[in-house]
C-alpha cells in the first residue's frame, strides 16, 4: 500500500498586510513600519521603507537610461513584532 504525502500548508502567521510592526533583529532593529505584503509559503514580510537593497537596472527599451534603484527586501516573520493591528 502506497503512503500518501501531505501537501505543505502555508503557515498561519501572527501578522498580516497593513499591520504596523517593529523589527527586532538584523540591521533594521528597532525601526517600525507598515507591512506591504506577506508571503506565507516562505514566512517572509515586506515592510514599507525598511530593509532597502540596491538593484542595478540594465538599460532596456522601457528604461533606456538604466540606473540604480532601491527596493524593499523581505524580512523573516520571526524578526518582526506586532505593534498595532490593521483592524484595530
PDB file of N, CA and C in Angstrom:
ATOM      1  N   UNK A   1       0.837  -1.182   0.000  1.00  0.00           N
ATOM      2  CA  UNK A   1       0.000   0.000   0.000  1.00  0.00           C
ATOM      3  C   UNK A   1       0.886   1.251   0.000  1.00  0.00           C
ATOM      4  N   UNK A   2       0.620   2.165  -0.901  1.00  0.00           N
ATOM      5  CA  UNK A   2       1.427   3.371  -1.036  1.00  0.00           C
ATOM      6  C   UNK A   2       1.025   4.398   0.023  1.00  0.00           C
ATOM      7  N   UNK A   3       2.025   5.097   0.525  1.00  0.00           N
ATOM      8  CA  UNK A   3       1.767   6.145   1.515  1.00  0.00           C
ATOM      9  C   UNK A   3       1.381   7.438   0.821  1.00  0.00           C
ATOM     10  N   UNK A   4       0.410   8.108   1.368  1.00  0.00           N
ATOM     11  CA  UNK A   4       0.001   9.402   0.830  1.00  0.00           C
ATOM     12  C   UNK A   4       0.889  10.480   1.441  1.00  0.00           C
ATOM     13  N   UNK A   5       1.304  11.407   0.628  1.00  0.00           N
ATOM     14  CA  UNK A   5       2.105  12.518   1.131  1.00  0.00           C
ATOM     15  C   UNK A   5       1.211  13.734   1.297  1.00  0.00           C
ATOM     16  N   UNK A   6       1.345  14.389   2.416  1.00  0.00           N
ATOM     17  CA  UNK A   6       0.575  15.600   2.668  1.00  0.00           C
ATOM     18  C   UNK A   6       1.246  16.783   1.996  1.00  0.00           C
ATOM     19  N   UNK A   7       0.432  17.623   1.407  1.00  0.00           N
ATOM     20  CA  UNK A   7       0.976  18.858   0.853  1.00  0.00           C
ATOM     21  C   UNK A   7       1.198  19.831   1.995  1.00  0.00           C
ATOM     22  N   UNK A   8       2.295  20.555   1.923  1.00  0.00           N
ATOM     23  CA  UNK A   8       2.614  21.516   2.981  1.00  0.00           C
ATOM     24  C   UNK A   8       1.657  22.701   2.900  1.00  0.00           C
ATOM     25  N   UNK A   9       0.942  22.952   3.984  1.00  0.00           N
ATOM     26  CA  UNK A   9       0.041  24.103   4.052  1.00  0.00           C
ATOM     27  C   UNK A   9       0.852  25.341   4.388  1.00  0.00           C
ATOM     28  N   UNK A  10       0.456  26.496   3.862  1.00  0.00           N
ATOM     29  CA  UNK A  10       1.146  27.723   4.264  1.00  0.00           C
ATOM     30  C   UNK A  10       0.927  27.976   5.758  1.00  0.00           C
ATOM     31  N   UNK A  11       1.948  28.458   6.411  1.00  0.00           N
ATOM     32  CA  UNK A  11       1.890  28.685   7.857  1.00  0.00           C
ATOM     33  C   UNK A  11       0.958  29.838   8.204  1.00  0.00           C
ATOM     34  N   UNK A  12       0.307  29.743   9.360  1.00  0.00           N
ATOM     35  CA  UNK A  12      -0.515  30.834   9.877  1.00  0.00           C
ATOM     36  C   UNK A  12       0.425  31.775  10.619  1.00  0.00           C
ATOM     37  N   UNK A  13       0.452  33.025  10.212  1.00  0.00           N
ATOM     38  CA  UNK A  13       1.397  33.997  10.770  1.00  0.00           C
ATOM     39  C   UNK A  13       0.703  34.932  11.752  1.00  0.00           C
ATOM     40  N   UNK A  14       1.494  35.566  12.624  1.00  0.00           N
ATOM     41  CA  UNK A  14       0.945  36.469  13.635  1.00  0.00           C
ATOM     42  C   UNK A  14       0.758  37.894  13.120  1.00  0.00           C
ATOM     43  N   UNK A  15       1.084  38.138  11.858  1.00  0.00           N
ATOM     44  CA  UNK A  15       0.927  39.472  11.255  1.00  0.00           C
ATOM     45  C   UNK A  15       0.246  39.335   9.902  1.00  0.00           C
ATOM     46  N   UNK A  16      -0.321  40.451   9.420  1.00  0.00           N
ATOM     47  CA  UNK A  16      -0.925  40.460   8.091  1.00  0.00           C
ATOM     48  C   UNK A  16      -0.670  41.812   7.420  1.00  0.00           C
ATOM     49  N   UNK A  17      -1.022  41.903   6.166  1.00  0.00           N
ATOM     50  CA  UNK A  17      -0.819  43.127   5.395  1.00  0.00           C
ATOM     51  C   UNK A  17      -1.540  44.301   6.069  1.00  0.00           C
ATOM     52  N   UNK A  18      -0.837  45.425   6.203  1.00  0.00           N
ATOM     53  CA  UNK A  18      -1.422  46.616   6.818  1.00  0.00           C
ATOM     54  C   UNK A  18      -1.091  46.776   8.284  1.00  0.00           C
ATOM     55  N   UNK A  19      -0.585  45.722   8.938  1.00  0.00           N
ATOM     56  CA  UNK A  19      -0.202  45.813  10.354  1.00  0.00           C
ATOM     57  C   UNK A  19       1.051  46.664  10.524  1.00  0.00           C
ATOM     58  N   UNK A  20       1.142  47.363  11.636  1.00  0.00           N
ATOM     59  CA  UNK A  20       2.353  48.091  11.986  1.00  0.00           C
ATOM     60  C   UNK A  20       3.210  47.164  12.835  1.00  0.00           C
ATOM     61  N   UNK A  21       4.465  46.988  12.432  1.00  0.00           N
ATOM     62  CA  UNK A  21       5.368  46.078  13.133  1.00  0.00           C
ATOM     63  C   UNK A  21       6.682  46.775  13.472  1.00  0.00           C
ATOM     64  N   UNK A  22       7.389  46.185  14.435  1.00  0.00           N
ATOM     65  CA  UNK A  22       8.717  46.662  14.805  1.00  0.00           C
ATOM     66  C   UNK A  22       9.697  45.541  14.513  1.00  0.00           C
ATOM     67  N   UNK A  23      10.840  45.888  13.890  1.00  0.00           N
ATOM     68  CA  UNK A  23      11.866  44.897  13.589  1.00  0.00           C
ATOM     69  C   UNK A  23      12.667  44.655  14.858  1.00  0.00           C
ATOM     70  N   UNK A  24      12.840  43.377  15.236  1.00  0.00           N
ATOM     71  CA  UNK A  24      13.526  43.049  16.491  1.00  0.00           C
ATOM     72  C   UNK A  24      14.880  42.396  16.270  1.00  0.00           C
ATOM     73  N   UNK A  25      15.280  42.194  15.013  1.00  0.00           N
ATOM     74  CA  UNK A  25      16.585  41.595  14.733  1.00  0.00           C
ATOM     75  C   UNK A  25      17.099  42.082  13.387  1.00  0.00           C
ATOM     76  N   UNK A  26      18.402  42.088  13.223  1.00  0.00           N
ATOM     77  CA  UNK A  26      19.016  42.473  11.958  1.00  0.00           C
ATOM     78  C   UNK A  26      19.450  43.928  11.925  1.00  0.00           C
ATOM     79  N   UNK A  27      19.834  44.373  10.740  1.00  0.00           N
ATOM     80  CA  UNK A  27      20.343  45.739  10.558  1.00  0.00           C
ATOM     81  C   UNK A  27      19.290  46.802  10.838  1.00  0.00           C
ATOM     82  N   UNK A  28      18.028  46.486  10.638  1.00  0.00           N
ATOM     83  CA  UNK A  28      16.935  47.449  10.811  1.00  0.00           C
ATOM     84  C   UNK A  28      16.317  47.377  12.214  1.00  0.00           C
ATOM     85  N   UNK A  29      17.001  46.764  13.171  1.00  0.00           N
ATOM     86  CA  UNK A  29      16.484  46.563  14.531  1.00  0.00           C
ATOM     87  C   UNK A  29      15.999  47.864  15.146  1.00  0.00           C
ATOM     88  N   UNK A  30      14.795  47.823  15.743  1.00  0.00           N
ATOM     89  CA  UNK A  30      14.232  48.985  16.429  1.00  0.00           C
ATOM     90  C   UNK A  30      13.344  49.854  15.563  1.00  0.00           C
ATOM     91  N   UNK A  31      13.404  49.710  14.253  1.00  0.00           N
ATOM     92  CA  UNK A  31      12.602  50.536  13.362  1.00  0.00           C
ATOM     93  C   UNK A  31      11.204  49.944  13.210  1.00  0.00           C
ATOM     94  N   UNK A  32      10.222  50.832  12.963  1.00  0.00           N
ATOM     95  CA  UNK A  32       8.851  50.377  12.771  1.00  0.00           C
ATOM     96  C   UNK A  32       8.377  50.740  11.371  1.00  0.00           C
ATOM     97  N   UNK A  33       7.408  49.979  10.870  1.00  0.00           N
ATOM     98  CA  UNK A  33       6.856  50.241   9.552  1.00  0.00           C
ATOM     99  C   UNK A  33       5.592  49.440   9.338  1.00  0.00           C
ATOM    100  N   UNK A  34       4.957  49.687   8.209  1.00  0.00           N
ATOM    101  CA  UNK A  34       3.705  49.021   7.863  1.00  0.00           C
ATOM    102  C   UNK A  34       4.008  47.895   6.864  1.00  0.00           C
ATOM    103  N   UNK A  35       3.388  46.742   7.075  1.00  0.00           N
ATOM    104  CA  UNK A  35       3.607  45.596   6.189  1.00  0.00           C
ATOM    105  C   UNK A  35       2.929  45.842   4.856  1.00  0.00           C
ATOM    106  N   UNK A  36       3.716  45.713   3.795  1.00  0.00           N
ATOM    107  CA  UNK A  36       3.245  45.921   2.430  1.00  0.00           C
ATOM    108  C   UNK A  36       2.710  44.614   1.840  1.00  0.00           C
ATOM    109  N   UNK A  37       3.422  43.505   2.077  1.00  0.00           N
ATOM    110  CA  UNK A  37       2.972  42.213   1.579  1.00  0.00           C
ATOM    111  C   UNK A  37       3.496  41.089   2.463  1.00  0.00           C
ATOM    112  N   UNK A  38       2.799  39.943   2.413  1.00  0.00           N
ATOM    113  CA  UNK A  38       3.138  38.776   3.229  1.00  0.00           C
ATOM    114  C   UNK A  38       3.229  37.563   2.321  1.00  0.00           C
ATOM    115  N   UNK A  39       4.297  36.765   2.471  1.00  0.00           N
ATOM    116  CA  UNK A  39       4.436  35.503   1.756  1.00  0.00           C
ATOM    117  C   UNK A  39       4.358  34.384   2.781  1.00  0.00           C
ATOM    118  N   UNK A  40       3.235  33.677   2.818  1.00  0.00           N
ATOM    119  CA  UNK A  40       3.029  32.639   3.828  1.00  0.00           C
ATOM    120  C   UNK A  40       3.851  31.392   3.536  1.00  0.00           C
ATOM    121  N   UNK A  41       4.198  31.145   2.272  1.00  0.00           N
ATOM    122  CA  UNK A  41       4.993  29.962   1.918  1.00  0.00           C
ATOM    123  C   UNK A  41       6.396  30.061   2.527  1.00  0.00           C
ATOM    124  N   UNK A  42       7.053  31.201   2.354  1.00  0.00           N
ATOM    125  CA  UNK A  42       8.419  31.382   2.843  1.00  0.00           C
ATOM    126  C   UNK A  42       8.464  32.057   4.209  1.00  0.00           C
ATOM    127  N   UNK A  43       7.307  32.443   4.748  1.00  0.00           N
ATOM    128  CA  UNK A  43       7.178  33.121   6.039  1.00  0.00           C
ATOM    129  C   UNK A  43       7.994  34.414   6.083  1.00  0.00           C
ATOM    130  N   UNK A  44       7.842  35.217   5.041  1.00  0.00           N
ATOM    131  CA  UNK A  44       8.554  36.488   4.965  1.00  0.00           C
ATOM    132  C   UNK A  44       7.589  37.628   4.702  1.00  0.00           C
ATOM    133  N   UNK A  45       7.949  38.826   5.192  1.00  0.00           N
ATOM    134  CA  UNK A  45       7.124  40.013   5.002  1.00  0.00           C
ATOM    135  C   UNK A  45       7.967  41.135   4.405  1.00  0.00           C
ATOM    136  N   UNK A  46       7.308  42.001   3.639  1.00  0.00           N
ATOM    137  CA  UNK A  46       7.969  43.195   3.103  1.00  0.00           C
ATOM    138  C   UNK A  46       7.388  44.384   3.841  1.00  0.00           C
ATOM    139  N   UNK A  47       8.255  45.203   4.429  1.00  0.00           N
ATOM    140  CA  UNK A  47       7.843  46.360   5.224  1.00  0.00           C
ATOM    141  C   UNK A  47       8.214  47.631   4.464  1.00  0.00           C
ATOM    142  N   UNK A  48       7.260  48.557   4.376  1.00  0.00           N
ATOM    143  CA  UNK A  48       7.477  49.812   3.642  1.00  0.00           C
ATOM    144  C   UNK A  48       8.672  50.584   4.178  1.00  0.00           C
ATOM    145  N   UNK A  49       9.621  50.879   3.293  1.00  0.00           N
ATOM    146  CA  UNK A  49      10.748  51.737   3.631  1.00  0.00           C
ATOM    147  C   UNK A  49      11.843  51.095   4.465  1.00  0.00           C
ATOM    148  N   UNK A  50      11.742  49.802   4.771  1.00  0.00           N
ATOM    149  CA  UNK A  50      12.766  49.129   5.582  1.00  0.00           C
ATOM    150  C   UNK A  50      13.458  48.029   4.787  1.00  0.00           C
ATOM    151  N   UNK A  51      14.678  47.695   5.201  1.00  0.00           N
ATOM    152  CA  UNK A  51      15.497  46.642   4.592  1.00  0.00           C
ATOM    153  C   UNK A  51      15.702  46.909   3.101  1.00  0.00           C
ATOM    154  N   UNK A  52      16.094  48.131   2.775  1.00  0.00           N
ATOM    155  CA  UNK A  52      16.299  48.522   1.388  1.00  0.00           C
ATOM    156  C   UNK A  52      17.584  47.919   0.838  1.00  0.00           C
ATOM    157  N   UNK A  53      17.502  47.391  -0.388  1.00  0.00           N
ATOM    158  CA  UNK A  53      18.671  46.872  -1.089  1.00  0.00           C
ATOM    159  C   UNK A  53      18.804  47.606  -2.409  1.00  0.00           C
ATOM    160  N   UNK A  54      20.026  47.677  -2.922  1.00  0.00           N
ATOM    161  CA  UNK A  54      20.290  48.375  -4.172  1.00  0.00           C
ATOM    162  C   UNK A  54      20.150  47.404  -5.328  1.00  0.00           C
ATOM    163  N   UNK A  55      19.381  47.792  -6.334  1.00  0.00           N
ATOM    164  CA  UNK A  55      19.206  46.963  -7.527  1.00  0.00           C
ATOM    165  C   UNK A  55      19.732  47.731  -8.725  1.00  0.00           C
ATOM    166  N   UNK A  56      20.622  47.102  -9.474  1.00  0.00           N
ATOM    167  CA  UNK A  56      21.184  47.717 -10.667  1.00  0.00           C
ATOM    168  C   UNK A  56      20.347  47.296 -11.866  1.00  0.00           C
ATOM    169  N   UNK A  57      19.781  48.297 -12.572  1.00  0.00           N
ATOM    170  CA  UNK A  57      18.909  48.011 -13.711  1.00  0.00           C
ATOM    171  C   UNK A  57      19.655  48.244 -15.018  1.00  0.00           C
ATOM    172  N   UNK A  58      19.603  47.233 -15.879  1.00  0.00           N
ATOM    173  CA  UNK A  58      20.237  47.304 -17.176  1.00  0.00           C
ATOM    174  C   UNK A  58      19.366  48.153 -18.107  1.00  0.00           C
ATOM    175  N   UNK A  59      19.959  48.964 -18.982  1.00  0.00           N
ATOM    176  CA  UNK A  59      19.153  49.740 -19.920  1.00  0.00           C
ATOM    177  C   UNK A  59      18.294  48.827 -20.796  1.00  0.00           C
ATOM    178  N   UNK A  60      17.057  49.241 -21.042  1.00  0.00           N
ATOM    179  CA  UNK A  60      16.141  48.471 -21.887  1.00  0.00           C
ATOM    180  C   UNK A  60      15.282  49.452 -22.678  1.00  0.00           C
ATOM    181  N   UNK A  61      14.404  48.920 -23.514  1.00  0.00           N
ATOM    182  CA  UNK A  61      13.515  49.783 -24.300  1.00  0.00           C
ATOM    183  C   UNK A  61      12.577  50.559 -23.370  1.00  0.00           C
ATOM    184  N   UNK A  62      12.140  49.901 -22.309  1.00  0.00           N
ATOM    185  CA  UNK A  62      11.236  50.540 -21.353  1.00  0.00           C
ATOM    186  C   UNK A  62      11.962  51.606 -20.533  1.00  0.00           C
ATOM    187  N   UNK A  63      13.210  51.303 -20.141  1.00  0.00           N
ATOM    188  CA  UNK A  63      14.019  52.216 -19.337  1.00  0.00           C
ATOM    189  C   UNK A  63      15.380  52.376 -20.028  1.00  0.00           C
ATOM    190  N   UNK A  64      15.474  53.278 -21.017  1.00  0.00           N
ATOM    191  CA  UNK A  64      16.707  53.378 -21.806  1.00  0.00           C
ATOM    192  C   UNK A  64      17.923  53.863 -21.008  1.00  0.00           C
ATOM    193  N   UNK A  65      17.706  54.543 -19.912  1.00  0.00           N
ATOM    194  CA  UNK A  65      18.805  55.071 -19.120  1.00  0.00           C
ATOM    195  C   UNK A  65      19.415  54.006 -18.217  1.00  0.00           C
ATOM    196  N   UNK A  66      18.589  53.034 -17.760  1.00  0.00           N
ATOM    197  CA  UNK A  66      19.085  52.065 -16.773  1.00  0.00           C
ATOM    198  C   UNK A  66      19.176  52.769 -15.433  1.00  0.00           C
ATOM    199  N   UNK A  67      20.092  52.333 -14.595  1.00  0.00           N
ATOM    200  CA  UNK A  67      20.327  53.034 -13.342  1.00  0.00           C
ATOM    201  C   UNK A  67      20.277  52.137 -12.123  1.00  0.00           C
ATOM    202  N   UNK A  68      20.284  52.774 -10.968  1.00  0.00           N
ATOM    203  CA  UNK A  68      20.298  52.076  -9.687  1.00  0.00           C
ATOM    204  C   UNK A  68      19.040  52.476  -8.924  1.00  0.00           C
ATOM    205  N   UNK A  69      18.306  51.477  -8.425  1.00  0.00           N
ATOM    206  CA  UNK A  69      17.105  51.754  -7.644  1.00  0.00           C
ATOM    207  C   UNK A  69      17.194  51.046  -6.300  1.00  0.00           C
ATOM    208  N   UNK A  70      16.464  51.552  -5.332  1.00  0.00           N
ATOM    209  CA  UNK A  70      16.389  50.928  -4.006  1.00  0.00           C
ATOM    210  C   UNK A  70      15.032  50.250  -3.892  1.00  0.00           C
ATOM    211  N   UNK A  71      15.032  48.962  -3.497  1.00  0.00           N
ATOM    212  CA  UNK A  71      13.783  48.234  -3.301  1.00  0.00           C
ATOM    213  C   UNK A  71      13.793  47.575  -1.930  1.00  0.00           C
ATOM    214  N   UNK A  72      12.588  47.334  -1.388  1.00  0.00           N
ATOM    215  CA  UNK A  72      12.474  46.679  -0.085  1.00  0.00           C
ATOM    216  C   UNK A  72      12.691  45.183  -0.255  1.00  0.00           C
ATOM    217  N   UNK A  73      13.471  44.613   0.641  1.00  0.00           N
ATOM    218  CA  UNK A  73      13.749  43.185   0.633  1.00  0.00           C
ATOM    219  C   UNK A  73      12.933  42.528   1.749  1.00  0.00           C
ATOM    220  N   UNK A  74      12.529  41.260   1.571  1.00  0.00           N
ATOM    221  CA  UNK A  74      11.730  40.593   2.602  1.00  0.00           C
ATOM    222  C   UNK A  74      12.511  40.335   3.888  1.00  0.00           C
ATOM    223  N   UNK A  75      11.788  40.318   5.009  1.00  0.00           N
ATOM    224  CA  UNK A  75      12.341  40.010   6.329  1.00  0.00           C
ATOM    225  C   UNK A  75      11.564  38.822   6.872  1.00  0.00           C
ATOM    226  N   UNK A  76      12.245  37.890   7.516  1.00  0.00           N
ATOM    227  CA  UNK A  76      11.555  36.729   8.076  1.00  0.00           C
ATOM    228  C   UNK A  76      10.607  37.187   9.177  1.00  0.00           C
ATOM    229  N   UNK A  77       9.445  36.541   9.237  1.00  0.00           N
ATOM    230  CA  UNK A  77       8.387  36.952  10.160  1.00  0.00           C
ATOM    231  C   UNK A  77       8.814  36.815  11.624  1.00  0.00           C
ATOM    232  N   UNK A  78       9.781  35.952  11.925  1.00  0.00           N
ATOM    233  CA  UNK A  78      10.246  35.795  13.302  1.00  0.00           C
ATOM    234  C   UNK A  78      11.056  37.005  13.770  1.00  0.00           C
ATOM    235  N   UNK A  79      11.461  37.860  12.842  1.00  0.00           N
ATOM    236  CA  UNK A  79      12.257  39.039  13.180  1.00  0.00           C
ATOM    237  C   UNK A  79      11.418  40.302  13.320  1.00  0.00           C
ATOM    238  N   UNK A  80      10.094  40.159  13.315  1.00  0.00           N
ATOM    239  CA  UNK A  80       9.221  41.313  13.500  1.00  0.00           C
ATOM    240  C   UNK A  80       8.253  41.071  14.651  1.00  0.00           C
ATOM    241  N   UNK A  81       7.878  42.173  15.311  1.00  0.00           N
ATOM    242  CA  UNK A  81       6.963  42.133  16.454  1.00  0.00           C
ATOM    243  C   UNK A  81       5.785  43.038  16.138  1.00  0.00           C
ATOM    244  N   UNK A  82       4.579  42.567  16.373  1.00  0.00           N
ATOM    245  CA  UNK A  82       3.363  43.332  16.108  1.00  0.00           C
ATOM    246  C   UNK A  82       3.266  44.513  17.061  1.00  0.00           C
ATOM    247  N   UNK A  83       3.065  45.725  16.512  1.00  0.00           N
ATOM    248  CA  UNK A  83       2.879  46.931  17.330  1.00  0.00           C
ATOM    249  C   UNK A  83       1.400  47.266  17.385  1.00  0.00           C
ATOM    250  N   UNK A  84       0.766  47.343  16.210  1.00  0.00           N
ATOM    251  CA  UNK A  84      -0.687  47.551  16.185  1.00  0.00           C
ATOM    252  C   UNK A  84      -1.256  46.854  14.951  1.00  0.00           C
ATOM    253  N   UNK A  85      -2.450  46.311  15.110  1.00  0.00           N
ATOM    254  CA  UNK A  85      -3.099  45.559  14.058  1.00  0.00           C
ATOM    255  C   UNK A  85      -3.803  46.499  13.082  1.00  0.00           C
ATOM    256  N   UNK A  86      -4.014  46.029  11.855  1.00  0.00           N
ATOM    257  CA  UNK A  86      -4.657  46.844  10.817  1.00  0.00           C
ATOM    258  C   UNK A  86      -6.134  47.080  11.125  1.00  0.00           C
ATOM    259  N   UNK A  87      -6.794  46.111  11.759  1.00  0.00           N
ATOM    260  CA  UNK A  87      -8.230  46.255  12.004  1.00  0.00           C
ATOM    261  C   UNK A  87      -8.549  46.893  13.348  1.00  0.00           C
ATOM    262  N   UNK A  88      -7.542  47.231  14.131  1.00  0.00           N
ATOM    263  CA  UNK A  88      -7.799  47.836  15.449  1.00  0.00           C
ATOM    264  C   UNK A  88      -7.590  49.327  15.440  1.00  0.00           C
TER     265      UNK A  88
END
